[in-house]
Amino acid sequence: MIFLGFFWDLTSRQRSVRNIGKYVAINHYPPSFREIGTMVGIASSSTISENLNKMDENGYVSRGRPRTLKVNKTAS
């Protein structure tokens, strides 16, 4: 599980993206905010949104309508 207090360090971000990518690979659709929160151990949808916005700005994910989260970069 990833604690998002350290979310901005590259390793944590890359692990978060990996978790989202794995979820999509298994389920064939992106996770909801609640499902992302469960994966990373936080309940606040606003914190999840802030982190996804930052990941979107940095090119790690692309966001559109609900359930249209796309992983662009993964950890090497």
PDB file of N, CA and C in Angstrom:
ATOM      1  N   MET A   1       0.833  -1.172   0.000  1.00  0.00           N
ATOM      2  CA  MET A   1       0.000   0.000   0.000  1.00  0.00           C
ATOM      3  C   MET A   1       0.885   1.246   0.000  1.00  0.00           C
ATOM      4  N   ILE A   2       0.449   2.299  -0.620  1.00  0.00           N
ATOM      5  CA  ILE A   2       1.242   3.512  -0.751  1.00  0.00           C
ATOM      6  C   ILE A   2       0.601   4.618   0.069  1.00  0.00           C
ATOM      7  N   PHE A   3       1.381   5.270   0.893  1.00  0.00           N
ATOM      8  CA  PHE A   3       0.890   6.405   1.655  1.00  0.00           C
ATOM      9  C   PHE A   3       1.126   7.663   0.844  1.00  0.00           C
ATOM     10  N   LEU A   4       0.059   8.404   0.544  1.00  0.00           N
ATOM     11  CA  LEU A   4       0.184   9.535  -0.357  1.00  0.00           C
ATOM     12  C   LEU A   4       0.801  10.768   0.284  1.00  0.00           C
ATOM     13  N   GLY A   5       1.142  10.719   1.555  1.00  0.00           N
ATOM     14  CA  GLY A   5       1.881  11.819   2.140  1.00  0.00           C
ATOM     15  C   GLY A   5       3.226  11.992   1.444  1.00  0.00           C
ATOM     16  N   PHE A   6       3.753  10.921   0.908  1.00  0.00           N
ATOM     17  CA  PHE A   6       5.014  10.948   0.178  1.00  0.00           C
ATOM     18  C   PHE A   6       4.776  10.774  -1.316  1.00  0.00           C
ATOM     19  N   PHE A   7       3.595  11.114  -1.752  1.00  0.00           N
ATOM     20  CA  PHE A   7       3.169  10.867  -3.131  1.00  0.00           C
ATOM     21  C   PHE A   7       4.046  11.558  -4.156  1.00  0.00           C
ATOM     22  N   TRP A   8       4.599  12.724  -3.813  1.00  0.00           N
ATOM     23  CA  TRP A   8       5.312  13.505  -4.834  1.00  0.00           C
ATOM     24  C   TRP A   8       6.706  12.993  -5.121  1.00  0.00           C
ATOM     25  N   ASP A   9       7.230  12.081  -4.311  1.00  0.00           N
ATOM     26  CA  ASP A   9       8.528  11.519  -4.700  1.00  0.00           C
ATOM     27  C   ASP A   9       8.288  10.524  -5.830  1.00  0.00           C
ATOM     28  N   LEU A  10       9.194  10.481  -6.764  1.00  0.00           N
ATOM     29  CA  LEU A  10       9.008   9.754  -8.019  1.00  0.00           C
ATOM     30  C   LEU A  10       8.696   8.283  -7.807  1.00  0.00           C
ATOM     31  N   THR A  11       9.331   7.640  -6.870  1.00  0.00           N
ATOM     32  CA  THR A  11       9.096   6.218  -6.648  1.00  0.00           C
ATOM     33  C   THR A  11       7.649   5.937  -6.265  1.00  0.00           C
ATOM     34  N   SER A  12       7.103   6.713  -5.343  1.00  0.00           N
ATOM     35  CA  SER A  12       5.713   6.521  -4.939  1.00  0.00           C
ATOM     36  C   SER A  12       4.764   6.774  -6.097  1.00  0.00           C
ATOM     37  N   ARG A  13       5.024   7.810  -6.874  1.00  0.00           N
ATOM     38  CA  ARG A  13       4.174   8.121  -8.014  1.00  0.00           C
ATOM     39  C   ARG A  13       4.201   6.969  -9.013  1.00  0.00           C
ATOM     40  N   GLN A  14       5.379   6.464  -9.282  1.00  0.00           N
ATOM     41  CA  GLN A  14       5.494   5.380 -10.245  1.00  0.00           C
ATOM     42  C   GLN A  14       4.785   4.124  -9.742  1.00  0.00           C
ATOM     43  N   ARG A  15       4.882   3.858  -8.451  1.00  0.00           N
ATOM     44  CA  ARG A  15       4.175   2.705  -7.901  1.00  0.00           C
ATOM     45  C   ARG A  15       2.667   2.906  -7.994  1.00  0.00           C
ATOM     46  N   SER A  16       2.184   4.123  -7.776  1.00  0.00           N
ATOM     47  CA  SER A  16       0.759   4.407  -7.899  1.00  0.00           C
ATOM     48  C   SER A  16       0.288   4.172  -9.327  1.00  0.00           C
ATOM     49  N   VAL A  17       1.079   4.633 -10.284  1.00  0.00           N
ATOM     50  CA  VAL A  17       0.727   4.445 -11.691  1.00  0.00           C
ATOM     51  C   VAL A  17       0.723   2.958 -12.028  1.00  0.00           C
ATOM     52  N   ARG A  18       1.691   2.230 -11.508  1.00  0.00           N
ATOM     53  CA  ARG A  18       1.714   0.781 -11.739  1.00  0.00           C
ATOM     54  C   ARG A  18       0.453   0.115 -11.222  1.00  0.00           C
ATOM     55  N   ASN A  19       0.016   0.514 -10.011  1.00  0.00           N
ATOM     56  CA  ASN A  19      -1.203  -0.066  -9.434  1.00  0.00           C
ATOM     57  C   ASN A  19      -2.411   0.212 -10.318  1.00  0.00           C
ATOM     58  N   ILE A  20      -2.506   1.415 -10.847  1.00  0.00           N
ATOM     59  CA  ILE A  20      -3.615   1.762 -11.740  1.00  0.00           C
ATOM     60  C   ILE A  20      -3.511   0.936 -13.014  1.00  0.00           C
ATOM     61  N   GLY A  21      -2.300   0.831 -13.563  1.00  0.00           N
ATOM     62  CA  GLY A  21      -2.093   0.048 -14.775  1.00  0.00           C
ATOM     63  C   GLY A  21      -2.454  -1.418 -14.576  1.00  0.00           C
ATOM     64  N   LYS A  22      -2.082  -1.987 -13.432  1.00  0.00           N
ATOM     65  CA  LYS A  22      -2.431  -3.378 -13.129  1.00  0.00           C
ATOM     66  C   LYS A  22      -3.937  -3.548 -13.019  1.00  0.00           C
ATOM     67  N   TYR A  23      -4.597  -2.588 -12.385  1.00  0.00           N
ATOM     68  CA  TYR A  23      -6.052  -2.646 -12.240  1.00  0.00           C
ATOM     69  C   TYR A  23      -6.717  -2.683 -13.616  1.00  0.00           C
ATOM     70  N   VAL A  24      -6.264  -1.809 -14.511  1.00  0.00           N
ATOM     71  CA  VAL A  24      -6.828  -1.749 -15.864  1.00  0.00           C
ATOM     72  C   VAL A  24      -6.568  -3.070 -16.602  1.00  0.00           C
ATOM     73  N   ALA A  25      -5.372  -3.612 -16.462  1.00  0.00           N
ATOM     74  CA  ALA A  25      -5.039  -4.869 -17.136  1.00  0.00           C
ATOM     75  C   ALA A  25      -5.928  -6.019 -16.666  1.00  0.00           C
ATOM     76  N   ILE A  26      -6.245  -6.041 -15.389  1.00  0.00           N
ATOM     77  CA  ILE A  26      -7.068  -7.120 -14.832  1.00  0.00           C
ATOM     78  C   ILE A  26      -8.552  -6.913 -15.140  1.00  0.00           C
ATOM     79  N   ASN A  27      -9.043  -5.681 -14.968  1.00  0.00           N
ATOM     80  CA  ASN A  27     -10.479  -5.412 -15.052  1.00  0.00           C
ATOM     81  C   ASN A  27     -10.946  -4.870 -16.401  1.00  0.00           C
ATOM     82  N   HIS A  28     -10.014  -4.443 -17.238  1.00  0.00           N
ATOM     83  CA  HIS A  28     -10.313  -3.898 -18.570  1.00  0.00           C
ATOM     84  C   HIS A  28     -11.063  -2.560 -18.523  1.00  0.00           C
ATOM     85  N   TYR A  29     -10.982  -1.874 -17.401  1.00  0.00           N
ATOM     86  CA  TYR A  29     -11.492  -0.511 -17.267  1.00  0.00           C
ATOM     87  C   TYR A  29     -10.767   0.145 -16.106  1.00  0.00           C
ATOM     88  N   PRO A  30     -10.663   1.482 -16.107  1.00  0.00           N
ATOM     89  CA  PRO A  30      -9.924   2.159 -15.029  1.00  0.00           C
ATOM     90  C   PRO A  30     -10.692   2.169 -13.703  1.00  0.00           C
ATOM     91  N   PRO A  31      -9.973   2.310 -12.601  1.00  0.00           N
ATOM     92  CA  PRO A  31     -10.607   2.322 -11.280  1.00  0.00           C
ATOM     93  C   PRO A  31     -11.335   3.637 -11.000  1.00  0.00           C
ATOM     94  N   SER A  32     -12.336   3.554 -10.135  1.00  0.00           N
ATOM     95  CA  SER A  32     -13.028   4.748  -9.650  1.00  0.00           C
ATOM     96  C   SER A  32     -12.156   5.430  -8.599  1.00  0.00           C
ATOM     97  N   PHE A  33     -12.543   6.644  -8.187  1.00  0.00           N
ATOM     98  CA  PHE A  33     -11.811   7.342  -7.122  1.00  0.00           C
ATOM     99  C   PHE A  33     -11.773   6.481  -5.866  1.00  0.00           C
ATOM    100  N   ARG A  34     -12.885   5.880  -5.498  1.00  0.00           N
ATOM    101  CA  ARG A  34     -12.928   5.047  -4.294  1.00  0.00           C
ATOM    102  C   ARG A  34     -11.997   3.850  -4.410  1.00  0.00           C
ATOM    103  N   GLU A  35     -11.961   3.250  -5.581  1.00  0.00           N
ATOM    104  CA  GLU A  35     -11.072   2.107  -5.788  1.00  0.00           C
ATOM    105  C   GLU A  35      -9.609   2.541  -5.728  1.00  0.00           C
ATOM    106  N   ILE A  36      -9.289   3.701  -6.294  1.00  0.00           N
ATOM    107  CA  ILE A  36      -7.923   4.234  -6.194  1.00  0.00           C
ATOM    108  C   ILE A  36      -7.592   4.499  -4.728  1.00  0.00           C
ATOM    109  N   GLY A  37      -8.530   5.087  -4.012  1.00  0.00           N
ATOM    110  CA  GLY A  37      -8.329   5.351  -2.588  1.00  0.00           C
ATOM    111  C   GLY A  37      -8.045   4.089  -1.801  1.00  0.00           C
ATOM    112  N   THR A  38      -8.757   3.024  -2.112  1.00  0.00           N
ATOM    113  CA  THR A  38      -8.530   1.742  -1.454  1.00  0.00           C
ATOM    114  C   THR A  38      -7.136   1.214  -1.787  1.00  0.00           C
ATOM    115  N   MET A  39      -6.719   1.356  -3.040  1.00  0.00           N
ATOM    116  CA  MET A  39      -5.396   0.869  -3.455  1.00  0.00           C
ATOM    117  C   MET A  39      -4.267   1.591  -2.719  1.00  0.00           C
ATOM    118  N   VAL A  40      -4.435   2.893  -2.490  1.00  0.00           N
ATOM    119  CA  VAL A  40      -3.345   3.680  -1.906  1.00  0.00           C
ATOM    120  C   VAL A  40      -3.554   4.022  -0.438  1.00  0.00           C
ATOM    121  N   GLY A  41      -4.692   3.641   0.118  1.00  0.00           N
ATOM    122  CA  GLY A  41      -4.915   3.801   1.546  1.00  0.00           C
ATOM    123  C   GLY A  41      -5.412   5.161   1.997  1.00  0.00           C
ATOM    124  N   ILE A  42      -6.169   5.860   1.168  1.00  0.00           N
ATOM    125  CA  ILE A  42      -6.769   7.124   1.591  1.00  0.00           C
ATOM    126  C   ILE A  42      -8.253   7.129   1.235  1.00  0.00           C
ATOM    127  N   ALA A  43      -9.027   7.870   2.029  1.00  0.00           N
ATOM    128  CA  ALA A  43     -10.468   7.904   1.824  1.00  0.00           C
ATOM    129  C   ALA A  43     -10.942   9.200   1.182  1.00  0.00           C
ATOM    130  N   SER A  44     -10.139  10.240   1.223  1.00  0.00           N
ATOM    131  CA  SER A  44     -10.553  11.545   0.737  1.00  0.00           C
ATOM    132  C   SER A  44     -10.530  11.618  -0.791  1.00  0.00           C
ATOM    133  N   SER A  45     -11.701  11.794  -1.390  1.00  0.00           N
ATOM    134  CA  SER A  45     -11.758  11.885  -2.851  1.00  0.00           C
ATOM    135  C   SER A  45     -11.088  13.166  -3.346  1.00  0.00           C
ATOM    136  N   SER A  46     -11.070  14.214  -2.532  1.00  0.00           N
ATOM    137  CA  SER A  46     -10.403  15.442  -2.966  1.00  0.00           C
ATOM    138  C   SER A  46      -8.883  15.245  -3.012  1.00  0.00           C
ATOM    139  N   THR A  47      -8.334  14.488  -2.076  1.00  0.00           N
ATOM    140  CA  THR A  47      -6.900  14.195  -2.099  1.00  0.00           C
ATOM    141  C   THR A  47      -6.552  13.329  -3.302  1.00  0.00           C
ATOM    142  N   ILE A  48      -7.390  12.365  -3.597  1.00  0.00           N
ATOM    143  CA  ILE A  48      -7.186  11.513  -4.771  1.00  0.00           C
ATOM    144  C   ILE A  48      -7.232  12.376  -6.030  1.00  0.00           C
ATOM    145  N   SER A  49      -8.207  13.268  -6.104  1.00  0.00           N
ATOM    146  CA  SER A  49      -8.344  14.149  -7.263  1.00  0.00           C
ATOM    147  C   SER A  49      -7.120  15.041  -7.423  1.00  0.00           C
ATOM    148  N   GLU A  50      -6.647  15.631  -6.333  1.00  0.00           N
ATOM    149  CA  GLU A  50      -5.461  16.487  -6.385  1.00  0.00           C
ATOM    150  C   GLU A  50      -4.252  15.718  -6.920  1.00  0.00           C
ATOM    151  N   ASN A  51      -4.075  14.496  -6.423  1.00  0.00           N
ATOM    152  CA  ASN A  51      -2.945  13.685  -6.860  1.00  0.00           C
ATOM    153  C   ASN A  51      -3.076  13.271  -8.317  1.00  0.00           C
ATOM    154  N   LEU A  52      -4.269  12.914  -8.747  1.00  0.00           N
ATOM    155  CA  LEU A  52      -4.474  12.559 -10.155  1.00  0.00           C
ATOM    156  C   LEU A  52      -4.268  13.773 -11.058  1.00  0.00           C
ATOM    157  N   ASN A  53      -4.694  14.952 -10.602  1.00  0.00           N
ATOM    158  CA  ASN A  53      -4.458  16.177 -11.383  1.00  0.00           C
ATOM    159  C   ASN A  53      -2.965  16.418 -11.560  1.00  0.00           C
ATOM    160  N   LYS A  54      -2.189  16.235 -10.486  1.00  0.00           N
ATOM    161  CA  LYS A  54      -0.742  16.423 -10.555  1.00  0.00           C
ATOM    162  C   LYS A  54      -0.114  15.390 -11.486  1.00  0.00           C
ATOM    163  N   MET A  55      -0.567  14.147 -11.398  1.00  0.00           N
ATOM    164  CA  MET A  55      -0.059  13.097 -12.284  1.00  0.00           C
ATOM    165  C   MET A  55      -0.423  13.399 -13.734  1.00  0.00           C
ATOM    166  N   ASP A  56      -1.599  13.972 -13.955  1.00  0.00           N
ATOM    167  CA  ASP A  56      -2.025  14.366 -15.300  1.00  0.00           C
ATOM    168  C   ASP A  56      -1.129  15.484 -15.826  1.00  0.00           C
ATOM    169  N   GLU A  57      -0.861  16.491 -14.995  1.00  0.00           N
ATOM    170  CA  GLU A  57       0.015  17.610 -15.386  1.00  0.00           C
ATOM    171  C   GLU A  57       1.412  17.123 -15.758  1.00  0.00           C
ATOM    172  N   ASN A  58       1.902  16.107 -15.053  1.00  0.00           N
ATOM    173  CA  ASN A  58       3.241  15.585 -15.290  1.00  0.00           C
ATOM    174  C   ASN A  58       3.283  14.500 -16.362  1.00  0.00           C
ATOM    175  N   GLY A  59       2.134  14.194 -16.962  1.00  0.00           N
ATOM    176  CA  GLY A  59       2.091  13.254 -18.070  1.00  0.00           C
ATOM    177  C   GLY A  59       2.050  11.789 -17.694  1.00  0.00           C
ATOM    178  N   TYR A  60       1.870  11.473 -16.404  1.00  0.00           N
ATOM    179  CA  TYR A  60       1.815  10.069 -15.990  1.00  0.00           C
ATOM    180  C   TYR A  60       0.485   9.427 -16.360  1.00  0.00           C
ATOM    181  N   VAL A  61      -0.584  10.193 -16.297  1.00  0.00           N
ATOM    182  CA  VAL A  61      -1.905   9.695 -16.664  1.00  0.00           C
ATOM    183  C   VAL A  61      -2.626  10.757 -17.487  1.00  0.00           C
ATOM    184  N   SER A  62      -3.661  10.328 -18.192  1.00  0.00           N
ATOM    185  CA  SER A  62      -4.556  11.249 -18.884  1.00  0.00           C
ATOM    186  C   SER A  62      -5.944  11.050 -18.305  1.00  0.00           C
ATOM    187  N   ARG A  63      -6.617  12.164 -18.035  1.00  0.00           N
ATOM    188  CA  ARG A  63      -7.959  12.088 -17.465  1.00  0.00           C
ATOM    189  C   ARG A  63      -8.939  12.758 -18.399  1.00  0.00           C
ATOM    190  N   GLY A  64     -10.110  12.200 -18.449  1.00  0.00           N
ATOM    191  CA  GLY A  64     -11.196  12.781 -19.218  1.00  0.00           C
ATOM    192  C   GLY A  64     -12.469  12.648 -18.403  1.00  0.00           C
ATOM    193  N   ARG A  65     -13.444  12.038 -18.990  1.00  0.00           N
ATOM    194  CA  ARG A  65     -14.691  11.774 -18.273  1.00  0.00           C
ATOM    195  C   ARG A  65     -14.442  10.715 -17.206  1.00  0.00           C
ATOM    196  N   PRO A  66     -15.422  10.502 -16.313  1.00  0.00           N
ATOM    197  CA  PRO A  66     -15.248   9.460 -15.293  1.00  0.00           C
ATOM    198  C   PRO A  66     -14.926   8.109 -15.917  1.00  0.00           C
ATOM    199  N   ARG A  67     -14.055   7.384 -15.255  1.00  0.00           N
ATOM    200  CA  ARG A  67     -13.618   6.058 -15.698  1.00  0.00           C
ATOM    201  C   ARG A  67     -12.895   6.076 -17.044  1.00  0.00           C
ATOM    202  N   THR A  68     -12.246   7.193 -17.354  1.00  0.00           N
ATOM    203  CA  THR A  68     -11.461   7.258 -18.586  1.00  0.00           C
ATOM    204  C   THR A  68      -9.989   7.533 -18.297  1.00  0.00           C
ATOM    205  N   LEU A  69      -9.535   7.157 -17.131  1.00  0.00           N
ATOM    206  CA  LEU A  69      -8.153   7.346 -16.716  1.00  0.00           C
ATOM    207  C   LEU A  69      -7.251   6.454 -17.584  1.00  0.00           C
ATOM    208  N   LYS A  70      -6.206   7.029 -18.151  1.00  0.00           N
ATOM    209  CA  LYS A  70      -5.289   6.283 -19.005  1.00  0.00           C
ATOM    210  C   LYS A  70      -3.870   6.479 -18.474  1.00  0.00           C
ATOM    211  N   VAL A  71      -3.125   5.390 -18.322  1.00  0.00           N
ATOM    212  CA  VAL A  71      -1.742   5.445 -17.857  1.00  0.00           C
ATOM    213  C   VAL A  71      -0.851   5.736 -19.065  1.00  0.00           C
ATOM    214  N   ASN A  72      -0.043   6.811 -18.971  1.00  0.00           N
ATOM    215  CA  ASN A  72       0.864   7.196 -20.053  1.00  0.00           C
ATOM    216  C   ASN A  72       2.299   6.785 -19.786  1.00  0.00           C
ATOM    217  N   LYS A  73       2.758   6.912 -18.547  1.00  0.00           N
ATOM    218  CA  LYS A  73       4.143   6.601 -18.178  1.00  0.00           C
ATOM    219  C   LYS A  73       4.130   5.569 -17.076  1.00  0.00           C
ATOM    220  N   THR A  74       5.073   4.667 -17.115  1.00  0.00           N
ATOM    221  CA  THR A  74       5.225   3.711 -16.030  1.00  0.00           C
ATOM    222  C   THR A  74       6.663   3.721 -15.555  1.00  0.00           C
ATOM    223  N   ALA A  75       6.877   3.101 -14.427  1.00  0.00           N
ATOM    224  CA  ALA A  75       8.236   3.025 -13.878  1.00  0.00           C
ATOM    225  C   ALA A  75       9.073   2.117 -14.744  1.00  0.00           C
ATOM    226  N   SER A  76      10.335   2.494 -14.912  1.00  0.00           N
ATOM    227  CA  SER A  76      11.228   1.650 -15.714  1.00  0.00           C
ATOM    228  C   SER A  76      11.894   0.607 -14.847  1.00  0.00           C
TER     229      SER A  76
END
